[in-house]
């Protein structure tokens, strides 16, 4: 057993052409059926997007607000890939990459790295110059069937439902105790679906949290307050680590103009593939 562990994540994507990146990413899906048929991750999520709108009667202009939300906060984050706000009109006028997904509803290809230092409670207690002490109170990984076409409901990521239940149980907390949230919004529709699967909204109503301002830094559940995957960036191998880092920055009170008022508990959700694997981490301020 070790007292102190360094955890890192890194990804270098921009030195490959887009077609090669697309082919690499779809390796996380069924190669003999899905990839062979020519589907990309964008195409698969476009099917989910279309089905979500049909099933729940949601409008694209409401779902696309997730991109506007992320860019608003990335504009104040010097580490973000896209440091400028965008409008809903810009999103809906941007090129279609796979109908109905617009370019500005998609997380960008990018490079990045992130690191965390995890210490035992005894080791952390000896650290000097630490006015704030944080605890990884719960962490869980869950899986679902590999491919979307094998799932009972493509608009539900069962791995998220299971992982959040286990992580909160480990932390002896409930979803209502969460003050701050990071979700894996590789596409706008996924951000909405994650809000529902994590337990913050009923199925088909996650977009309402956006419209009502509940995801803002002073809202009921501040979400992606440093820019999310859409604007903070999505260097795949580093994304899960930087999501936890963004929670840590908020819990320490170091988020500058994006600071959430007095957060005590943060939750980060990271997704592998098209929801085949999901990791949920719960970080709690203890001092």
Foldseek 3Di string as FASTA:
>chain_A
DDFKDKDKFWFDFVVDDPVVVQLVQCVLADCVPQVVVPDTLLQQVLVLVVVLCVVQVDDPLLLLLVLQVLQVLQLLAPLWPANHGDDSVVLCPAPPPHPPHHPLQAFDADTDMFMDMDGDPVVVVPDPPDPWDKDQQFKFKFFDPRDLVPDPRSLALVRLLVQLVRRCVSNVHDPQLAAEEEEQRRGSSRVQSSCCSNPNDPRSCSSVCSVVVQCALAHSYPYSNNRHSSISHCSPRHRQRVQVVVVVCQCSVNSPPSHRPNGFKYKYWDAGRSSRMIMIIIMGIDD
